[in-house]
Structure formats: structure tokens, C-alpha cells
Amino acid sequence: MYVPNNLTNPLTVSLTSTNPAVASAAPSVVIPSGINYVYWTINGIAPGSARITASATGWSPTAVSVVTTTPGLSVSGGGTL
């Protein structure tokens, strides 16, 4: 996630899931001072949908919708070289 400008102080961002049985994230992440972004991971747990909300004091919250599916495998072939 990112903010428009580099931060002068670290910013703690809380993360919450509407359906933690489907998708979860760490309870919070910190955007360090001197930069304006941080990478974070969403963990897909079971098929379904959830919404992950990010919020921080003094900032408007934002959210991302997540859809998780059962892993699949595709095989194609039959052509000649």
C-alpha cells in the first residue's frame, strides 16, 4: 500500500478481513519514515470472497476485494513441433 508522499514518521496501518476464514492478512503493517509504501501479503485460506480493509489514524480507510479459488492444473498439448 502507499500514501501520496514520503512519510516523516512511521505509519502503522491496521488490516482487517471481513471473512478471515477465506482471506487474512497480518493485523498491521508499518510504512517506514522516508518512503511512501510497504508491501504486504494476503493469505488465501479457503475458496470464497472477503474484503481486506486498511485503516490508519488521520487517514481515510481503503479496502480491496479478494476472491480465492481452489488451485487447479491445466495441461495442453497434442501439437507437433
C-alpha atoms as a PDB file:
ATOM      1  CA  MET A   1       0.000   0.000   0.000  1.00  0.00           C
ATOM      2  CA  TYR A   2       1.108   3.559  -0.437  1.00  0.00           C
ATOM      3  CA  VAL A   3       0.495   7.131   0.592  1.00  0.00           C
ATOM      4  CA  PRO A   4       0.960  10.115  -1.744  1.00  0.00           C
ATOM      5  CA  ASN A   5       4.250  11.380  -0.267  1.00  0.00           C
ATOM      6  CA  ASN A   6       7.219  10.087   1.697  1.00  0.00           C
ATOM      7  CA  LEU A   7       6.466   9.961   5.419  1.00  0.00           C
ATOM      8  CA  THR A   8       8.384  11.914   8.052  1.00  0.00           C
ATOM      9  CA  ASN A   9       7.260   9.431  10.755  1.00  0.00           C
ATOM     10  CA  PRO A  10       6.416   5.720  10.508  1.00  0.00           C
ATOM     11  CA  LEU A  11       2.728   4.996   9.869  1.00  0.00           C
ATOM     12  CA  THR A  12       1.054   1.918  11.382  1.00  0.00           C
ATOM     13  CA  VAL A  13      -1.789   0.634   9.212  1.00  0.00           C
ATOM     14  CA  SER A  14      -4.342  -1.798  10.661  1.00  0.00           C
ATOM     15  CA  LEU A  15      -5.616  -4.573   8.389  1.00  0.00           C
ATOM     16  CA  THR A  16      -8.910  -6.393   8.919  1.00  0.00           C
ATOM     17  CA  SER A  17     -10.730  -9.042   6.896  1.00  0.00           C
ATOM     18  CA  THR A  18     -14.493  -9.385   6.584  1.00  0.00           C
ATOM     19  CA  ASN A  19     -14.015 -13.150   6.315  1.00  0.00           C
ATOM     20  CA  PRO A  20     -10.756 -14.375   7.910  1.00  0.00           C
ATOM     21  CA  ALA A  21     -11.732 -17.990   7.199  1.00  0.00           C
ATOM     22  CA  VAL A  22     -11.299 -17.152   3.480  1.00  0.00           C
ATOM     23  CA  ALA A  23      -8.561 -14.497   3.365  1.00  0.00           C
ATOM     24  CA  SER A  24      -6.406 -12.914   6.042  1.00  0.00           C
ATOM     25  CA  ALA A  25      -3.522 -10.517   6.448  1.00  0.00           C
ATOM     26  CA  ALA A  26      -1.199  -9.512   9.271  1.00  0.00           C
ATOM     27  CA  PRO A  27      -3.060  -7.425  11.884  1.00  0.00           C
ATOM     28  CA  SER A  28      -0.958  -4.400  10.916  1.00  0.00           C
ATOM     29  CA  VAL A  29       1.917  -3.208   8.744  1.00  0.00           C
ATOM     30  CA  VAL A  30       4.216  -0.204   9.138  1.00  0.00           C
ATOM     31  CA  ILE A  31       5.159   2.176   6.349  1.00  0.00           C
ATOM     32  CA  PRO A  32       8.628   3.353   7.428  1.00  0.00           C
ATOM     33  CA  SER A  33       9.625   7.011   7.510  1.00  0.00           C
ATOM     34  CA  GLY A  34      11.389   8.296   4.413  1.00  0.00           C
ATOM     35  CA  ILE A  35       9.310   6.266   1.938  1.00  0.00           C
ATOM     36  CA  ASN A  36       5.656   6.112   0.943  1.00  0.00           C
ATOM     37  CA  TYR A  37       4.853   2.411   0.539  1.00  0.00           C
ATOM     38  CA  VAL A  38       5.046  -1.057   2.038  1.00  0.00           C
ATOM     39  CA  TYR A  39       4.407  -4.498   0.559  1.00  0.00           C
ATOM     40  CA  TRP A  40       2.122  -6.882   2.454  1.00  0.00           C
ATOM     41  CA  THR A  41       0.655 -10.327   1.922  1.00  0.00           C
ATOM     42  CA  ILE A  42      -2.911 -11.559   1.726  1.00  0.00           C
ATOM     43  CA  ASN A  43      -3.234 -15.229   2.658  1.00  0.00           C
ATOM     44  CA  GLY A  44      -5.868 -17.218   0.759  1.00  0.00           C
ATOM     45  CA  ILE A  45      -7.217 -19.846   3.139  1.00  0.00           C
ATOM     46  CA  ALA A  46     -10.360 -21.317   1.570  1.00  0.00           C
ATOM     47  CA  PRO A  47     -12.494 -20.700  -1.525  1.00  0.00           C
ATOM     48  CA  GLY A  48     -14.758 -17.687  -1.172  1.00  0.00           C
ATOM     49  CA  SER A  49     -14.638 -13.909  -1.009  1.00  0.00           C
ATOM     50  CA  ALA A  50     -13.566 -11.339   1.554  1.00  0.00           C
ATOM     51  CA  ARG A  51     -12.716  -7.676   1.821  1.00  0.00           C
ATOM     52  CA  ILE A  52      -9.474  -6.503   3.446  1.00  0.00           C
ATOM     53  CA  THR A  53      -9.703  -3.006   4.942  1.00  0.00           C
ATOM     54  CA  ALA A  54      -6.666  -0.855   5.701  1.00  0.00           C
ATOM     55  CA  SER A  55      -7.029   1.980   8.210  1.00  0.00           C
ATOM     56  CA  ALA A  56      -4.697   4.383   9.989  1.00  0.00           C
ATOM     57  CA  THR A  57      -5.260   7.307  12.345  1.00  0.00           C
ATOM     58  CA  GLY A  58      -5.646  10.519  10.373  1.00  0.00           C
ATOM     59  CA  TRP A  59      -6.096   8.738   7.033  1.00  0.00           C
ATOM     60  CA  SER A  60      -9.212   7.678   5.114  1.00  0.00           C
ATOM     61  CA  PRO A  61      -9.652   3.881   5.136  1.00  0.00           C
ATOM     62  CA  THR A  62      -9.479   1.887   1.930  1.00  0.00           C
ATOM     63  CA  ALA A  63     -10.283  -1.714   1.046  1.00  0.00           C
ATOM     64  CA  VAL A  64      -9.602  -4.401  -1.519  1.00  0.00           C
ATOM     65  CA  SER A  65     -11.930  -7.238  -2.509  1.00  0.00           C
ATOM     66  CA  VAL A  66     -10.384 -10.703  -2.599  1.00  0.00           C
ATOM     67  CA  VAL A  67     -11.699 -13.870  -4.253  1.00  0.00           C
ATOM     68  CA  THR A  68      -9.921 -17.134  -3.512  1.00  0.00           C
ATOM     69  CA  THR A  69     -10.406 -20.332  -5.508  1.00  0.00           C
ATOM     70  CA  THR A  70      -9.357 -23.940  -5.344  1.00  0.00           C
ATOM     71  CA  PRO A  71      -5.976 -24.432  -7.040  1.00  0.00           C
ATOM     72  CA  GLY A  72      -6.206 -26.048 -10.452  1.00  0.00           C
ATOM     73  CA  LEU A  73      -3.916 -27.584 -13.010  1.00  0.00           C
ATOM     74  CA  SER A  74      -4.197 -27.223 -16.772  1.00  0.00           C
ATOM     75  CA  VAL A  75      -2.499 -29.401 -19.360  1.00  0.00           C
ATOM     76  CA  SER A  76      -2.472 -28.708 -23.050  1.00  0.00           C
ATOM     77  CA  GLY A  77      -0.723 -30.385 -25.902  1.00  0.00           C
ATOM     78  CA  GLY A  78      -1.272 -32.533 -28.912  1.00  0.00           C
ATOM     79  CA  GLY A  79       0.615 -30.331 -31.347  1.00  0.00           C
ATOM     80  CA  THR A  80       3.688 -31.143 -33.391  1.00  0.00           C
ATOM     81  CA  LEU A  81       6.973 -29.300 -33.438  1.00  0.00           C
END
